Protein backbone atom coordinates (compact mmCIF):
# COMPACT_ATOMS: atom_id res chain seq x y z
CA MET A 1 85.08 79.34 95.69
CA LYS A 2 82.11 77.47 97.22
CA SER A 3 84.35 75.18 99.30
CA ARG A 4 86.43 78.19 100.41
CA GLU A 5 83.20 80.00 101.33
CA SER A 6 82.08 77.09 103.55
CA GLU A 7 85.51 76.95 105.21
CA LEU A 8 85.38 80.68 105.90
CA LYS A 9 81.89 80.48 107.41
CA PHE A 10 83.00 77.94 110.00
CA LEU A 11 86.37 79.65 110.57
CA TYR A 12 84.67 82.98 111.31
CA LEU A 13 82.11 81.23 113.54
CA PHE A 14 84.92 79.52 115.48
CA ILE A 15 86.90 82.76 115.93
CA ASP A 16 83.80 84.72 116.92
CA SER A 17 82.80 82.06 119.46
CA ILE A 18 86.23 82.32 121.10
CA LEU A 19 85.93 86.13 121.21
CA LEU A 20 82.39 85.93 122.63
CA ASN A 21 83.32 83.48 125.39
CA ALA A 22 86.45 85.49 126.24
CA SER A 23 84.23 88.61 126.49
CA ILE A 24 81.88 86.84 128.91
CA VAL A 25 84.78 85.63 131.08
CA LEU A 26 86.31 89.13 131.10
CA THR A 27 82.94 90.68 131.99
CA THR A 28 82.57 88.37 135.01
CA ARG A 29 85.85 89.85 136.28
CA ILE A 30 84.75 93.45 135.66
CA TYR A 31 81.13 93.05 136.77
CA PRO A 32 80.89 90.04 139.11
CA LEU A 33 77.39 88.86 139.89
CA PRO A 34 76.47 86.52 142.76
CA VAL A 35 74.91 84.10 140.26
CA PHE A 36 78.32 83.43 138.69
CA ASP A 37 79.59 81.96 141.94
CA ASP A 38 77.30 79.10 141.01
CA PHE A 39 78.46 76.78 138.18
CA TYR A 40 74.88 76.30 136.97
CA GLY A 41 74.28 80.04 136.48
CA TYR A 42 77.68 80.57 134.83
CA SER A 43 77.34 77.68 132.38
CA LEU A 44 73.72 78.59 131.59
CA ASN A 45 74.77 82.13 130.61
CA LEU A 46 77.56 80.77 128.41
CA LEU A 47 75.20 78.33 126.71
CA TYR A 48 72.52 80.95 126.11
CA ALA A 49 75.00 83.52 124.74
CA ASN A 50 76.53 80.99 122.34
CA LEU A 51 73.10 79.86 121.16
CA ALA A 52 72.12 83.50 120.50
CA TRP A 53 75.35 84.03 118.55
CA VAL A 54 74.90 80.89 116.39
CA ILE A 55 71.33 81.98 115.55
CA THR A 56 72.53 85.50 114.67
CA TYR A 57 75.52 84.25 112.70
CA PHE A 58 73.53 81.95 110.42
CA MET A 59 70.84 84.60 109.98
CA LEU A 60 73.44 87.08 108.69
CA SER A 61 76.38 84.94 107.48
CA ASN A 62 75.77 85.58 103.77
CA LYS A 63 75.71 89.33 104.40
CA ASN A 64 78.81 89.34 106.58
CA LEU A 65 81.12 86.83 104.93
CA PHE A 66 82.84 89.02 102.33
CA LEU A 67 84.01 92.63 102.27
CA ARG A 68 83.17 95.05 99.49
CA ASP A 69 85.18 98.17 100.30
CA GLY A 70 87.93 97.21 102.72
CA TYR A 71 88.02 97.15 106.51
CA PHE A 72 85.60 100.08 107.05
CA ASN A 73 82.91 97.98 105.40
CA ARG A 74 83.78 95.12 107.79
CA ALA A 75 83.47 97.47 110.80
CA ILE A 76 79.96 98.57 109.73
CA ARG A 77 78.85 94.99 109.13
CA THR A 78 80.35 93.82 112.42
CA THR A 79 78.54 96.56 114.36
CA HIS A 80 75.26 95.67 112.66
CA CYS A 81 75.76 91.95 113.34
CA VAL A 82 76.57 92.46 117.04
CA THR A 83 73.53 94.77 117.40
CA VAL A 84 71.32 92.00 115.98
CA PHE A 85 73.01 89.55 118.38
CA PHE A 86 72.14 91.82 121.32
CA CYS A 87 68.47 91.90 120.25
CA VAL A 88 68.36 88.12 119.74
CA ALA A 89 70.01 87.57 123.13
CA LEU A 90 67.52 89.95 124.82
CA ILE A 91 64.54 88.11 123.34
CA LEU A 92 66.02 84.67 123.94
CA GLY A 93 66.95 85.59 127.52
CA TYR A 94 63.44 86.78 128.25
CA PHE A 95 61.93 83.46 127.19
CA VAL A 96 64.51 80.83 128.18
CA MET A 97 66.59 82.22 131.04
CA PRO A 98 65.49 81.89 134.68
CA PRO A 99 65.15 85.44 136.12
CA ALA A 100 67.68 84.68 138.87
CA THR A 101 70.44 83.94 136.32
CA TYR A 102 69.67 86.72 133.82
CA SER A 103 71.07 90.26 133.82
CA ARG A 104 70.50 92.80 131.01
CA VAL A 105 73.37 94.96 132.30
CA PHE A 106 75.70 91.96 132.13
CA LEU A 107 74.48 91.23 128.59
CA LEU A 108 75.09 94.83 127.50
CA LEU A 109 78.60 94.82 128.99
CA TYR A 110 79.80 91.61 127.38
CA THR A 111 78.17 92.56 124.05
CA THR A 112 80.13 95.83 124.07
CA ILE A 113 83.39 94.04 124.90
CA PHE A 114 82.60 91.46 122.20
CA LEU A 115 82.09 94.22 119.60
CA VAL A 116 85.35 95.97 120.50
CA GLY A 117 87.18 92.63 120.51
CA LYS A 118 85.87 91.73 117.05
CA LEU A 119 86.76 95.11 115.57
CA VAL A 120 90.32 95.02 116.97
CA PHE A 121 90.93 91.35 116.10
CA TYR A 122 89.73 91.61 112.50
CA TYR A 123 91.61 94.86 111.96
CA PHE A 124 94.91 93.18 112.83
CA LEU A 125 93.97 89.97 110.97
CA TYR A 126 93.22 91.85 107.75
CA TYR A 127 96.32 94.02 108.14
CA TYR A 128 98.50 90.94 108.58
CA LEU A 129 96.91 89.14 105.61
CA LYS A 130 97.29 92.18 103.35
CA GLN A 131 100.97 92.50 104.27
CA SER A 132 101.47 88.76 103.72
CA ARG A 133 99.81 89.01 100.32
CA LYS A 134 102.08 91.92 99.32
CA LYS A 135 105.07 89.73 100.18
CA GLY A 136 103.61 86.85 98.19
CA LEU A 137 103.09 84.58 101.22
CA HIS A 138 100.27 82.03 101.48
CA ILE A 139 98.52 83.10 98.27
CA ASN A 140 97.25 81.62 95.02
CA ASN A 141 97.50 83.69 91.85
CA LEU A 142 94.11 84.28 90.22
CA LEU A 143 93.38 84.97 86.56
CA ILE A 144 89.87 86.00 85.53
CA VAL A 145 88.58 85.07 82.07
CA GLY A 146 86.42 87.91 80.77
CA ALA A 147 86.19 91.57 81.78
CA ASN A 148 82.46 92.19 82.17
CA GLY A 149 80.62 93.50 85.24
CA THR A 150 80.65 90.13 86.99
CA ALA A 151 84.40 89.74 86.43
CA LYS A 152 85.03 93.25 87.83
CA ALA A 153 82.91 92.42 90.90
CA LEU A 154 84.96 89.24 91.39
CA GLU A 155 88.18 91.26 91.15
CA GLN A 156 86.92 93.68 93.83
CA LEU A 157 85.83 90.80 96.07
CA VAL A 158 89.25 89.13 95.82
CA ASN A 159 91.15 92.39 96.41
CA SER A 160 88.98 93.32 99.42
CA ASN A 161 89.16 89.89 101.09
CA PRO A 162 92.78 88.87 101.77
CA VAL A 163 91.49 86.04 103.95
CA LEU A 164 90.50 84.22 100.74
CA GLY A 165 94.20 83.76 99.95
CA TYR A 166 94.05 84.90 96.31
CA LYS A 167 96.06 87.55 94.47
CA PHE A 168 94.39 89.01 91.39
CA VAL A 169 96.86 88.98 88.49
CA GLY A 170 94.73 90.21 85.59
CA PHE A 171 92.03 89.50 83.04
CA VAL A 172 92.06 87.37 79.91
CA THR A 173 89.68 88.67 77.24
CA GLU A 174 88.44 87.78 73.77
CA ASN A 175 90.16 90.88 72.38
CA ARG A 176 93.12 92.71 73.90
CA GLU A 177 91.25 96.00 73.49
CA ASP A 178 88.36 94.84 75.72
CA ASP A 179 90.15 95.95 78.88
CA ARG A 180 93.38 97.82 79.62
CA ASN A 181 94.18 95.35 82.43
CA SER A 182 93.97 92.43 80.01
CA LEU A 183 97.09 90.27 80.05
CA GLY A 184 96.18 88.66 76.75
CA VAL A 185 93.53 86.81 74.84
CA VAL A 186 91.96 83.42 75.48
CA ALA A 187 94.25 81.84 72.89
CA ASP A 188 97.22 82.82 75.12
CA LEU A 189 95.74 81.14 78.22
CA GLU A 190 98.17 78.23 78.44
CA ARG A 191 101.19 80.54 78.13
CA LEU A 192 99.78 83.05 80.64
CA ILE A 193 99.07 80.34 83.24
CA SER A 194 102.69 79.21 83.07
CA GLU A 195 104.16 82.70 82.82
CA HIS A 196 102.28 84.14 85.83
CA ASN A 197 102.20 80.92 87.90
CA ILE A 198 98.39 80.87 87.98
CA GLN A 199 96.72 78.47 90.43
CA MET A 200 93.11 79.49 89.75
C-alpha cells in the first residue's frame, strides 16, 4: 500500500498540474492582460502558480489522498485544498511577484476555473474507475485477514477509492462467527486465495 500511496501522490500532482496550467491558459483567453503579451510576464505567472500549487499539495497531500465516503467527500476536500491554494498564491504573489505582472482578479479567475476543472475531471475519473471495477477490469482482488475496527476501515478505504485498483472480496477471521462477511477461517487461507483469485 505504501508504494501505491507514493504513486498516487505523484499521479494526482501531475494531473492537478495539467489542470492548473490549462486553467491559466484558458483564463488568458477569457481575461487577457497586457502583461501576458510579454513572455516574461506569462512564464513568471505560470511558475509562481505552479510553485504555490506544489507547496499547497504537499501541505495537504495526506489529507487529500484517499476518500472516506465517496465522491462528495472528494468534492469537499478539493474545495478546501483549492481555497488553501488561493491563500498561498495570494501571499506568495505579494512577496515574490513584481507588481506589474501580478493581478488578483486574474488569480481569482483561474483558481475558480481550476476548482471547477478538478471537480468535473475527478467526478468522471471516479465514475469510470467504479464502472471498470464492477466489470472486473484493471483490478486486484483483496482479502483482509481479521475483522476488527482497523480491518473495517481498510475495507471502507478500498471501496471508496477505486483509483487504488483493488476489489474487496471479504474477510478471513479466526472464527467464522466473528463476522458475517467472513469467507472462512485462517486455516482456509490457501484454499480461499486460489478459489477467489486473490492478489493481495
